Amino acid sequence: MRSAMVEPVGDPTGQTRTVTSDRPIDLACTIAPLRRGAGDPCHQTTRDGAHWHASRMSSGPVTYRLTQAGPCAVKGNAWGPGAEEFLDGLDHMLCLDEDLDGFVPDHPKLVEAHRRFPGLRMLRTGLVFEALVPAVLEQKVHTISARGSWRKLVRQFGDPAPGPAPEGLRLPPDADTWRRVPSWAFHRANVGPQRAQTIVRAARVASSLERAAGVDPAEAARRLRTIAGIGEWTAAETAQRAFGDADALSVGDFHLAAIIGWTLLGHPIDDDTMVEYLAPLRPHRYRAVRLLEISGQAHKPKFGPRTPLTDHTWH
């Protein structure tokens, strides 16, 4: 089954809007979490430095193109029924209203990263279900495997992006389509029954999930966790992209606590210790993680071979 096809739009410019801020905006670093690995069918960066993405707004599908228009400015072009809605909310999406007065890092590596990357913003797409599905796919499996599953399912069940989009850019399936994806299709995409059932359950209540974008991030995350199969890690990964939650720490991540320990303390730590150690940075713990990532400082030693990939497709 497929969601409704979207007719291409011939206008090469589409609708446009430029947003500005009184402090820097680093577009590439800010929107990087939207891309689910190389080859993400919903996201492409072209040679001219433009970032293309296809999404489903409440008003309809949209293809948007974002470019850096100056140190403190971003230009957006958009096509499709959702273009106007997307551009109206572009400043909101890029969190141009966020307040950094309370963010006072004291570790030298964080201080240096904040100095080097003053334009990092959080993301607030408001598209809760759209952020949730790939997060569920990444639960307790290799990122490589999860992103392969995402590519296969979007290419099979998504639609061509509207407008003059780069070749291969696709809209993610809508909630009704996800709800109807047969179990064998999940299986062939290397998605086990537990994750597949979680996606289907979330798809059934997708409209109510979208309303969570308008409440306090902590309450929004609580609502997400009421769905069976969605825990603290998945809720945080969703909040990082949909809610603009600068404090959404991915507790339960296979690598994060060890990376934070090695990077900031010189030795591995567990989740509880990580939460305690980063507590003084509330409500900016996720911002601190992103700064370590984009500054290239986040690391942990490699002590053995990579954990083997799990393949469900042959069972």
C-alpha atoms as a PDB file:
ATOM      1  CA  MET A   1       0.000   0.000   0.000  1.00  0.00           C
ATOM      2  CA  ARG A   2       1.087   3.576  -0.603  1.00  0.00           C
ATOM      3  CA  SER A   3       0.113   6.979   0.718  1.00  0.00           C
ATOM      4  CA  ALA A   4      -1.377   9.449  -1.762  1.00  0.00           C
ATOM      5  CA  MET A   5       1.000  10.375  -4.558  1.00  0.00           C
ATOM      6  CA  VAL A   6       2.296  13.941  -4.666  1.00  0.00           C
ATOM      7  CA  GLU A   7       2.419  15.688  -8.024  1.00  0.00           C
ATOM      8  CA  PRO A   8       5.749  17.445  -8.768  1.00  0.00           C
ATOM      9  CA  VAL A   9       5.708  21.246  -8.664  1.00  0.00           C
ATOM     10  CA  GLY A  10       7.455  22.968 -11.561  1.00  0.00           C
ATOM     11  CA  ASP A  11       8.312  26.277  -9.859  1.00  0.00           C
ATOM     12  CA  PRO A  12      12.128  26.260  -9.518  1.00  0.00           C
ATOM     13  CA  THR A  13      12.100  28.850  -6.710  1.00  0.00           C
ATOM     14  CA  GLY A  14       9.027  27.924  -4.725  1.00  0.00           C
ATOM     15  CA  GLN A  15       8.104  30.049  -1.754  1.00  0.00           C
ATOM     16  CA  THR A  16      10.994  31.713   0.061  1.00  0.00           C
ATOM     17  CA  ARG A  17      11.799  33.200   3.435  1.00  0.00           C
ATOM     18  CA  THR A  18      15.001  34.346   5.125  1.00  0.00           C
ATOM     19  CA  VAL A  19      15.262  34.282   8.913  1.00  0.00           C
ATOM     20  CA  THR A  20      17.851  36.193  10.907  1.00  0.00           C
ATOM     21  CA  SER A  21      19.108  36.277  14.475  1.00  0.00           C
ATOM     22  CA  ASP A  22      21.171  38.567  16.665  1.00  0.00           C
ATOM     23  CA  ARG A  23      23.657  35.743  17.215  1.00  0.00           C
ATOM     24  CA  PRO A  24      25.196  33.203  14.808  1.00  0.00           C
ATOM     25  CA  ILE A  25      23.244  30.350  13.214  1.00  0.00           C
ATOM     26  CA  ASP A  26      25.294  27.333  12.163  1.00  0.00           C
ATOM     27  CA  LEU A  27      22.857  25.704   9.770  1.00  0.00           C
ATOM     28  CA  ALA A  28      24.860  22.558   8.973  1.00  0.00           C
ATOM     29  CA  CYS A  29      25.480  21.655  12.623  1.00  0.00           C
ATOM     30  CA  THR A  30      21.960  22.558  13.694  1.00  0.00           C
ATOM     31  CA  ILE A  31      20.061  20.390  11.209  1.00  0.00           C
ATOM     32  CA  ALA A  32      22.538  17.489  11.133  1.00  0.00           C
ATOM     33  CA  PRO A  33      20.356  15.328  13.462  1.00  0.00           C
ATOM     34  CA  LEU A  34      17.619  15.304  10.795  1.00  0.00           C
ATOM     35  CA  ARG A  35      19.769  13.191   8.493  1.00  0.00           C
ATOM     36  CA  ARG A  36      19.566   9.492   9.284  1.00  0.00           C
ATOM     37  CA  GLY A  37      22.924   8.519   7.868  1.00  0.00           C
ATOM     38  CA  ALA A  38      24.392   8.635   4.377  1.00  0.00           C
ATOM     39  CA  GLY A  39      21.786   7.815   1.779  1.00  0.00           C
ATOM     40  CA  ASP A  40      18.812   8.970   3.863  1.00  0.00           C
ATOM     41  CA  PRO A  41      16.023   9.159   1.254  1.00  0.00           C
ATOM     42  CA  CYS A  42      14.440  12.117   3.087  1.00  0.00           C
ATOM     43  CA  HIS A  43      17.564  14.284   3.298  1.00  0.00           C
ATOM     44  CA  GLN A  44      20.275  15.346   0.865  1.00  0.00           C
ATOM     45  CA  THR A  45      23.089  17.889   0.905  1.00  0.00           C
ATOM     46  CA  THR A  46      24.010  19.077  -2.574  1.00  0.00           C
ATOM     47  CA  ARG A  47      27.353  20.306  -3.878  1.00  0.00           C
ATOM     48  CA  ASP A  48      26.339  23.938  -3.488  1.00  0.00           C
ATOM     49  CA  GLY A  49      25.997  23.386   0.267  1.00  0.00           C
ATOM     50  CA  ALA A  50      22.190  23.390   0.281  1.00  0.00           C
ATOM     51  CA  HIS A  51      20.337  21.076   2.654  1.00  0.00           C
ATOM     52  CA  TRP A  52      17.224  19.469   1.155  1.00  0.00           C
ATOM     53  CA  HIS A  53      14.606  17.655   3.221  1.00  0.00           C
ATOM     54  CA  ALA A  54      11.153  16.194   2.606  1.00  0.00           C
ATOM     55  CA  SER A  55       8.542  16.161   5.371  1.00  0.00           C
ATOM     56  CA  ARG A  56       4.812  15.962   5.970  1.00  0.00           C
ATOM     57  CA  MET A  57       3.407  19.080   7.610  1.00  0.00           C
ATOM     58  CA  SER A  58      -0.136  19.178   8.969  1.00  0.00           C
ATOM     59  CA  SER A  59      -1.098  21.135   5.830  1.00  0.00           C
ATOM     60  CA  GLY A  60       0.519  18.625   3.480  1.00  0.00           C
ATOM     61  CA  PRO A  61       3.847  17.431   2.065  1.00  0.00           C
ATOM     62  CA  VAL A  62       6.769  19.818   1.685  1.00  0.00           C
ATOM     63  CA  THR A  63      10.211  19.777   0.158  1.00  0.00           C
ATOM     64  CA  TYR A  64      12.458  22.423   1.626  1.00  0.00           C
ATOM     65  CA  ARG A  65      15.904  23.708   0.776  1.00  0.00           C
ATOM     66  CA  LEU A  66      17.911  25.523   3.449  1.00  0.00           C
ATOM     67  CA  THR A  67      21.067  27.529   2.810  1.00  0.00           C
ATOM     68  CA  GLN A  68      23.351  29.638   4.954  1.00  0.00           C
ATOM     69  CA  ALA A  69      22.640  33.246   3.946  1.00  0.00           C
ATOM     70  CA  GLY A  70      25.193  34.851   6.242  1.00  0.00           C
ATOM     71  CA  PRO A  71      26.634  34.226   9.716  1.00  0.00           C
ATOM     72  CA  CYS A  72      23.295  35.060  11.331  1.00  0.00           C
ATOM     73  CA  ALA A  73      20.863  34.204   8.544  1.00  0.00           C
ATOM     74  CA  VAL A  74      19.281  31.174   6.879  1.00  0.00           C
ATOM     75  CA  LYS A  75      17.305  31.188   3.625  1.00  0.00           C
ATOM     76  CA  GLY A  76      14.525  28.695   3.040  1.00  0.00           C
ATOM     77  CA  ASN A  77      12.871  27.669  -0.215  1.00  0.00           C
ATOM     78  CA  ALA A  78       9.867  25.357  -0.051  1.00  0.00           C
ATOM     79  CA  TRP A  79       7.541  23.524  -2.428  1.00  0.00           C
ATOM     80  CA  GLY A  80       4.341  21.583  -1.989  1.00  0.00           C
ATOM     81  CA  PRO A  81       1.083  22.018  -0.033  1.00  0.00           C
ATOM     82  CA  GLY A  82       3.019  22.351   3.249  1.00  0.00           C
ATOM     83  CA  ALA A  83       5.408  25.050   2.002  1.00  0.00           C
ATOM     84  CA  GLU A  84       3.728  28.041   3.612  1.00  0.00           C
ATOM     85  CA  GLU A  85       3.331  26.311   6.961  1.00  0.00           C
ATOM     86  CA  PHE A  86       6.959  25.220   6.940  1.00  0.00           C
ATOM     87  CA  LEU A  87       8.347  28.664   6.126  1.00  0.00           C
ATOM     88  CA  ASP A  88       6.075  30.376   8.662  1.00  0.00           C
ATOM     89  CA  GLY A  89       7.648  28.164  11.337  1.00  0.00           C
ATOM     90  CA  LEU A  90      11.267  28.222  10.147  1.00  0.00           C
ATOM     91  CA  ASP A  91      12.513  30.503  12.932  1.00  0.00           C
ATOM     92  CA  HIS A  92      10.691  28.304  15.443  1.00  0.00           C
ATOM     93  CA  MET A  93      12.235  25.147  13.932  1.00  0.00           C
ATOM     94  CA  LEU A  94      15.751  26.590  14.201  1.00  0.00           C
ATOM     95  CA  CYS A  95      15.100  27.661  17.814  1.00  0.00           C
ATOM     96  CA  LEU A  96      16.014  31.275  17.155  1.00  0.00           C
ATOM     97  CA  ASP A  97      14.126  32.173  20.336  1.00  0.00           C
ATOM     98  CA  GLU A  98      16.183  29.980  22.665  1.00  0.00           C
ATOM     99  CA  ASP A  99      17.816  31.491  25.747  1.00  0.00           C
ATOM    100  CA  LEU A 100      21.424  30.496  26.475  1.00  0.00           C
ATOM    101  CA  ASP A 101      21.922  32.683  29.560  1.00  0.00           C
ATOM    102  CA  GLY A 102      21.698  29.624  31.815  1.00  0.00           C
ATOM    103  CA  PHE A 103      24.263  27.604  29.871  1.00  0.00           C
ATOM    104  CA  VAL A 104      27.585  28.070  31.681  1.00  0.00           C
ATOM    105  CA  PRO A 105      29.875  25.087  30.976  1.00  0.00           C
ATOM    106  CA  ASP A 106      32.895  24.776  33.242  1.00  0.00           C
ATOM    107  CA  HIS A 107      34.785  21.845  31.697  1.00  0.00           C
ATOM    108  CA  PRO A 108      37.586  23.158  29.423  1.00  0.00           C
ATOM    109  CA  LYS A 109      36.481  20.976  26.504  1.00  0.00           C
ATOM    110  CA  LEU A 110      32.913  22.228  26.694  1.00  0.00           C
ATOM    111  CA  VAL A 111      34.033  25.826  27.115  1.00  0.00           C
ATOM    112  CA  GLU A 112      36.215  25.530  24.013  1.00  0.00           C
ATOM    113  CA  ALA A 113      33.486  23.791  21.983  1.00  0.00           C
ATOM    114  CA  HIS A 114      30.948  26.483  22.913  1.00  0.00           C
ATOM    115  CA  ARG A 115      33.438  29.174  21.895  1.00  0.00           C
ATOM    116  CA  ARG A 116      34.136  27.522  18.535  1.00  0.00           C
ATOM    117  CA  PHE A 117      30.516  26.751  17.681  1.00  0.00           C
ATOM    118  CA  PRO A 118      28.374  29.650  18.927  1.00  0.00           C
ATOM    119  CA  GLY A 119      25.883  29.047  16.116  1.00  0.00           C
ATOM    120  CA  LEU A 120      24.694  25.611  17.240  1.00  0.00           C
ATOM    121  CA  ARG A 121      20.935  25.646  17.779  1.00  0.00           C
ATOM    122  CA  MET A 122      18.528  22.968  18.859  1.00  0.00           C
ATOM    123  CA  LEU A 123      15.825  21.630  16.502  1.00  0.00           C
ATOM    124  CA  ARG A 124      12.079  22.041  16.961  1.00  0.00           C
ATOM    125  CA  THR A 125      10.385  20.542  13.911  1.00  0.00           C
ATOM    126  CA  GLY A 126       7.143  19.835  15.760  1.00  0.00           C
ATOM    127  CA  LEU A 127       6.840  16.650  13.684  1.00  0.00           C
ATOM    128  CA  VAL A 128       6.643  14.151  16.523  1.00  0.00           C
ATOM    129  CA  PHE A 129       5.678  10.969  14.687  1.00  0.00           C
ATOM    130  CA  GLU A 130       8.138  11.706  11.891  1.00  0.00           C
ATOM    131  CA  ALA A 131      10.974  11.912  14.431  1.00  0.00           C
ATOM    132  CA  LEU A 132       9.718   8.933  16.410  1.00  0.00           C
ATOM    133  CA  VAL A 133       9.740   6.254  13.681  1.00  0.00           C
ATOM    134  CA  PRO A 134      13.490   6.298  12.904  1.00  0.00           C
ATOM    135  CA  ALA A 135      14.218   6.490  16.634  1.00  0.00           C
ATOM    136  CA  VAL A 136      12.219   3.301  17.174  1.00  0.00           C
ATOM    137  CA  LEU A 137      14.102   1.638  14.320  1.00  0.00           C
ATOM    138  CA  GLU A 138      17.366   2.454  16.126  1.00  0.00           C
ATOM    139  CA  GLN A 139      16.318   0.818  19.398  1.00  0.00           C
ATOM    140  CA  LYS A 140      18.888  -1.721  20.639  1.00  0.00           C
ATOM    141  CA  VAL A 141      20.415  -2.391  17.219  1.00  0.00           C
ATOM    142  CA  HIS A 142      23.436  -1.148  15.304  1.00  0.00           C
ATOM    143  CA  THR A 143      22.903   2.283  13.827  1.00  0.00           C
ATOM    144  CA  ILE A 144      24.161   0.862  10.515  1.00  0.00           C
ATOM    145  CA  SER A 145      21.400  -1.758  10.524  1.00  0.00           C
ATOM    146  CA  ALA A 146      18.687   0.681  11.639  1.00  0.00           C
ATOM    147  CA  ARG A 147      19.516   3.201   8.947  1.00  0.00           C
ATOM    148  CA  GLY A 148      19.510   0.462   6.336  1.00  0.00           C
ATOM    149  CA  SER A 149      16.001  -0.453   7.485  1.00  0.00           C
ATOM    150  CA  TRP A 150      14.929   3.196   7.301  1.00  0.00           C
ATOM    151  CA  ARG A 151      16.225   3.537   3.732  1.00  0.00           C
ATOM    152  CA  LYS A 152      14.495   0.384   2.567  1.00  0.00           C
ATOM    153  CA  LEU A 153      11.128   1.174   4.131  1.00  0.00           C
ATOM    154  CA  VAL A 154      11.052   4.811   2.986  1.00  0.00           C
ATOM    155  CA  ARG A 155      11.983   3.851  -0.562  1.00  0.00           C
ATOM    156  CA  GLN A 156       9.294   1.178  -0.590  1.00  0.00           C
ATOM    157  CA  PHE A 157       6.433   3.000   1.139  1.00  0.00           C
ATOM    158  CA  GLY A 158       7.283   6.706   0.861  1.00  0.00           C
ATOM    159  CA  ASP A 159       6.414   9.059  -2.012  1.00  0.00           C
ATOM    160  CA  PRO A 160       8.462  11.285  -4.343  1.00  0.00           C
ATOM    161  CA  ALA A 161       9.149  14.676  -2.800  1.00  0.00           C
ATOM    162  CA  PRO A 162       7.237  17.620  -4.350  1.00  0.00           C
ATOM    163  CA  GLY A 163       8.956  20.360  -6.321  1.00  0.00           C
ATOM    164  CA  PRO A 164      12.333  20.370  -8.107  1.00  0.00           C
ATOM    165  CA  ALA A 165      13.886  18.060  -5.528  1.00  0.00           C
ATOM    166  CA  PRO A 166      17.199  16.236  -6.035  1.00  0.00           C
ATOM    167  CA  GLU A 167      16.838  12.835  -7.624  1.00  0.00           C
ATOM    168  CA  GLY A 168      15.800  10.190  -5.125  1.00  0.00           C
ATOM    169  CA  LEU A 169      14.480  12.560  -2.432  1.00  0.00           C
ATOM    170  CA  ARG A 170      11.378  10.996  -0.885  1.00  0.00           C
ATOM    171  CA  LEU A 171       8.695  11.829   1.621  1.00  0.00           C
ATOM    172  CA  PRO A 172       8.529   9.486   4.608  1.00  0.00           C
ATOM    173  CA  PRO A 173       5.390   7.362   4.750  1.00  0.00           C
ATOM    174  CA  ASP A 174       2.466   8.969   6.531  1.00  0.00           C
ATOM    175  CA  ALA A 175       1.052   7.462   9.716  1.00  0.00           C
ATOM    176  CA  ASP A 176      -1.724   5.585   7.959  1.00  0.00           C
ATOM    177  CA  THR A 177       0.799   3.946   5.646  1.00  0.00           C
ATOM    178  CA  TRP A 178       3.067   2.940   8.545  1.00  0.00           C
ATOM    179  CA  ARG A 179       0.049   1.472  10.316  1.00  0.00           C
ATOM    180  CA  ARG A 180      -0.638  -0.740   7.305  1.00  0.00           C
ATOM    181  CA  VAL A 181       2.905  -1.902   6.538  1.00  0.00           C
ATOM    182  CA  PRO A 182       2.662  -5.711   6.609  1.00  0.00           C
ATOM    183  CA  SER A 183       4.791  -7.690   9.033  1.00  0.00           C
ATOM    184  CA  TRP A 184       6.644  -9.379   6.184  1.00  0.00           C
ATOM    185  CA  ALA A 185       7.766  -5.974   4.838  1.00  0.00           C
ATOM    186  CA  PHE A 186       9.216  -5.047   8.242  1.00  0.00           C
ATOM    187  CA  HIS A 187      10.853  -8.466   8.342  1.00  0.00           C
ATOM    188  CA  ARG A 188      12.477  -8.013   4.938  1.00  0.00           C
ATOM    189  CA  ALA A 189      13.742  -4.604   6.067  1.00  0.00           C
ATOM    190  CA  ASN A 190      15.487  -6.304   9.021  1.00  0.00           C
ATOM    191  CA  VAL A 191      13.094  -4.898  11.631  1.00  0.00           C
ATOM    192  CA  GLY A 192      12.188  -7.315  14.414  1.00  0.00           C
ATOM    193  CA  PRO A 193       8.592  -7.781  15.633  1.00  0.00           C
ATOM    194  CA  GLN A 194       8.991  -5.658  18.771  1.00  0.00           C
ATOM    195  CA  ARG A 195      10.126  -2.543  16.914  1.00  0.00           C
ATOM    196  CA  ALA A 196       7.606  -3.105  14.116  1.00  0.00           C
ATOM    197  CA  GLN A 197       4.738  -3.381  16.600  1.00  0.00           C
ATOM    198  CA  THR A 198       5.889  -0.231  18.408  1.00  0.00           C
ATOM    199  CA  ILE A 199       5.790   1.739  15.135  1.00  0.00           C
ATOM    200  CA  VAL A 200       2.306   0.418  14.336  1.00  0.00           C
ATOM    201  CA  ARG A 201       1.047   1.292  17.830  1.00  0.00           C
ATOM    202  CA  ALA A 202       2.469   4.807  17.530  1.00  0.00           C
ATOM    203  CA  ALA A 203       0.955   5.220  14.059  1.00  0.00           C
ATOM    204  CA  ARG A 204      -2.495   4.483  15.461  1.00  0.00           C
ATOM    205  CA  VAL A 205      -2.241   7.500  17.795  1.00  0.00           C
ATOM    206  CA  ALA A 206      -0.097   9.724  15.559  1.00  0.00           C
ATOM    207  CA  SER A 207      -2.555  12.627  15.542  1.00  0.00           C
ATOM    208  CA  SER A 208      -2.530  12.814  19.337  1.00  0.00           C
ATOM    209  CA  LEU A 209       1.268  12.578  19.357  1.00  0.00           C
ATOM    210  CA  GLU A 210       1.523  15.738  17.267  1.00  0.00           C
ATOM    211  CA  ARG A 211      -0.293  17.660  20.004  1.00  0.00           C
ATOM    212  CA  ALA A 212       2.576  16.822  22.358  1.00  0.00           C
ATOM    213  CA  ALA A 213       4.755  19.325  20.464  1.00  0.00           C
ATOM    214  CA  GLY A 214       2.813  22.156  22.059  1.00  0.00           C
ATOM    215  CA  VAL A 215       3.370  21.231  25.708  1.00  0.00           C
ATOM    216  CA  ASP A 216       6.319  21.327  28.089  1.00  0.00           C
ATOM    217  CA  PRO A 217       9.111  18.988  26.842  1.00  0.00           C
ATOM    218  CA  ALA A 218       9.050  16.928  30.043  1.00  0.00           C
ATOM    219  CA  GLU A 219       5.297  16.392  29.727  1.00  0.00           C
ATOM    220  CA  ALA A 220       5.674  15.642  26.008  1.00  0.00           C
ATOM    221  CA  ALA A 221       8.269  12.971  26.746  1.00  0.00           C
ATOM    222  CA  ARG A 222       6.003  11.486  29.417  1.00  0.00           C
ATOM    223  CA  ARG A 223       3.189  11.196  26.885  1.00  0.00           C
ATOM    224  CA  LEU A 224       5.481   9.438  24.437  1.00  0.00           C
ATOM    225  CA  ARG A 225       6.465   6.895  27.082  1.00  0.00           C
ATOM    226  CA  THR A 226       2.827   5.909  27.628  1.00  0.00           C
ATOM    227  CA  ILE A 227       3.052   3.983  24.322  1.00  0.00           C
ATOM    228  CA  ALA A 228       4.272   0.426  24.858  1.00  0.00           C
ATOM    229  CA  GLY A 229       7.768   0.026  23.448  1.00  0.00           C
ATOM    230  CA  ILE A 230       8.803   3.665  23.897  1.00  0.00           C
ATOM    231  CA  GLY A 231      11.173   4.271  26.772  1.00  0.00           C
ATOM    232  CA  GLU A 232      13.435   7.045  28.001  1.00  0.00           C
ATOM    233  CA  TRP A 233      15.997   6.699  25.193  1.00  0.00           C
ATOM    234  CA  THR A 234      13.446   6.775  22.361  1.00  0.00           C
ATOM    235  CA  ALA A 235      11.569   9.685  23.926  1.00  0.00           C
ATOM    236  CA  ALA A 236      14.812  11.654  24.251  1.00  0.00           C
ATOM    237  CA  GLU A 237      15.862  10.970  20.660  1.00  0.00           C
ATOM    238  CA  THR A 238      12.457  12.214  19.514  1.00  0.00           C
ATOM    239  CA  ALA A 239      12.538  15.278  21.760  1.00  0.00           C
ATOM    240  CA  GLN A 240      15.946  16.267  20.399  1.00  0.00           C
ATOM    241  CA  ARG A 241      14.451  16.708  16.941  1.00  0.00           C
ATOM    242  CA  ALA A 242      10.773  17.510  17.461  1.00  0.00           C
ATOM    243  CA  PHE A 243      10.635  19.529  20.698  1.00  0.00           C
ATOM    244  CA  GLY A 244      13.841  21.598  20.694  1.00  0.00           C
ATOM    245  CA  ASP A 245      14.638  20.077  24.080  1.00  0.00           C
ATOM    246  CA  ALA A 246      18.200  21.092  24.933  1.00  0.00           C
ATOM    247  CA  ASP A 247      18.144  18.797  27.979  1.00  0.00           C
ATOM    248  CA  ALA A 248      16.995  15.571  26.263  1.00  0.00           C
ATOM    249  CA  LEU A 249      19.792  13.258  27.348  1.00  0.00           C
ATOM    250  CA  SER A 250      19.762   9.838  25.635  1.00  0.00           C
ATOM    251  CA  VAL A 251      19.986   7.739  28.798  1.00  0.00           C
ATOM    252  CA  GLY A 252      20.230   4.072  27.872  1.00  0.00           C
ATOM    253  CA  ASP A 253      22.371   4.654  24.791  1.00  0.00           C
ATOM    254  CA  PHE A 254      24.875   1.845  24.217  1.00  0.00           C
ATOM    255  CA  HIS A 255      27.813   4.251  23.803  1.00  0.00           C
ATOM    256  CA  LEU A 256      26.926   7.657  25.252  1.00  0.00           C
ATOM    257  CA  ALA A 257      27.885   7.220  28.916  1.00  0.00           C
ATOM    258  CA  ALA A 258      31.268   5.729  27.984  1.00  0.00           C
ATOM    259  CA  ILE A 259      31.900   8.532  25.492  1.00  0.00           C
ATOM    260  CA  ILE A 260      31.057  11.210  28.056  1.00  0.00           C
ATOM    261  CA  GLY A 261      33.264   9.489  30.625  1.00  0.00           C
ATOM    262  CA  TRP A 262      36.291   9.112  28.360  1.00  0.00           C
ATOM    263  CA  THR A 263      35.909  12.594  26.872  1.00  0.00           C
ATOM    264  CA  LEU A 264      35.399  14.591  30.061  1.00  0.00           C
ATOM    265  CA  LEU A 265      36.871  12.374  32.792  1.00  0.00           C
ATOM    266  CA  GLY A 266      39.363  10.105  31.047  1.00  0.00           C
ATOM    267  CA  HIS A 267      37.627   6.859  32.020  1.00  0.00           C
ATOM    268  CA  PRO A 268      34.326   5.079  31.289  1.00  0.00           C
ATOM    269  CA  ILE A 269      31.220   5.687  33.379  1.00  0.00           C
ATOM    270  CA  ASP A 270      27.728   4.189  33.490  1.00  0.00           C
ATOM    271  CA  ASP A 271      24.384   5.897  32.893  1.00  0.00           C
ATOM    272  CA  ASP A 272      23.738   6.769  36.535  1.00  0.00           C
ATOM    273  CA  THR A 273      27.150   8.386  36.884  1.00  0.00           C
ATOM    274  CA  MET A 274      26.657  10.279  33.611  1.00  0.00           C
ATOM    275  CA  VAL A 275      23.312  11.656  34.790  1.00  0.00           C
ATOM    276  CA  GLU A 276      24.841  12.745  38.095  1.00  0.00           C
ATOM    277  CA  TYR A 277      27.929  14.254  36.443  1.00  0.00           C
ATOM    278  CA  LEU A 278      25.945  16.276  33.881  1.00  0.00           C
ATOM    279  CA  ALA A 279      23.290  17.434  36.362  1.00  0.00           C
ATOM    280  CA  PRO A 280      24.862  20.918  36.811  1.00  0.00           C
ATOM    281  CA  LEU A 281      24.327  21.527  33.085  1.00  0.00           C
ATOM    282  CA  ARG A 282      20.529  21.189  33.282  1.00  0.00           C
ATOM    283  CA  PRO A 283      18.583  22.211  31.214  1.00  0.00           C
ATOM    284  CA  HIS A 284      21.316  22.000  28.554  1.00  0.00           C
ATOM    285  CA  ARG A 285      22.694  18.447  28.850  1.00  0.00           C
ATOM    286  CA  TYR A 286      21.880  17.491  25.255  1.00  0.00           C
ATOM    287  CA  ARG A 287      23.378  20.761  24.046  1.00  0.00           C
ATOM    288  CA  ALA A 288      26.617  19.791  25.793  1.00  0.00           C
ATOM    289  CA  VAL A 289      26.592  16.385  24.063  1.00  0.00           C
ATOM    290  CA  ARG A 290      26.057  18.011  20.658  1.00  0.00           C
ATOM    291  CA  LEU A 291      28.907  20.455  21.268  1.00  0.00           C
ATOM    292  CA  LEU A 292      31.279  17.595  22.034  1.00  0.00           C
ATOM    293  CA  GLU A 293      30.106  15.786  18.890  1.00  0.00           C
ATOM    294  CA  ILE A 294      30.478  18.645  16.433  1.00  0.00           C
ATOM    295  CA  SER A 295      33.782  19.811  17.915  1.00  0.00           C
ATOM    296  CA  GLY A 296      35.298  16.383  17.242  1.00  0.00           C
ATOM    297  CA  GLN A 297      36.240  15.890  20.893  1.00  0.00           C
ATOM    298  CA  ALA A 298      33.789  13.099  21.742  1.00  0.00           C
ATOM    299  CA  HIS A 299      35.590   9.755  21.794  1.00  0.00           C
ATOM    300  CA  LYS A 300      36.090   6.422  23.499  1.00  0.00           C
ATOM    301  CA  PRO A 301      38.901   3.898  22.965  1.00  0.00           C
ATOM    302  CA  LYS A 302      38.300   0.814  20.832  1.00  0.00           C
ATOM    303  CA  PHE A 303      39.107  -2.319  22.802  1.00  0.00           C
ATOM    304  CA  GLY A 304      37.782  -5.024  20.498  1.00  0.00           C
ATOM    305  CA  PRO A 305      35.914  -5.875  17.323  1.00  0.00           C
ATOM    306  CA  ARG A 306      32.641  -4.217  16.415  1.00  0.00           C
ATOM    307  CA  THR A 307      29.531  -5.890  17.837  1.00  0.00           C
ATOM    308  CA  PRO A 308      28.083  -8.123  15.084  1.00  0.00           C
ATOM    309  CA  LEU A 309      25.088  -6.849  13.141  1.00  0.00           C
ATOM    310  CA  THR A 310      21.801  -8.606  13.782  1.00  0.00           C
ATOM    311  CA  ASP A 311      20.003  -9.844  10.669  1.00  0.00           C
ATOM    312  CA  HIS A 312      16.326 -10.746  11.100  1.00  0.00           C
ATOM    313  CA  THR A 313      15.596 -11.273   7.425  1.00  0.00           C
ATOM    314  CA  TRP A 314      16.691 -14.936   7.180  1.00  0.00           C
ATOM    315  CA  HIS A 315      14.642 -16.285  10.092  1.00  0.00           C
END
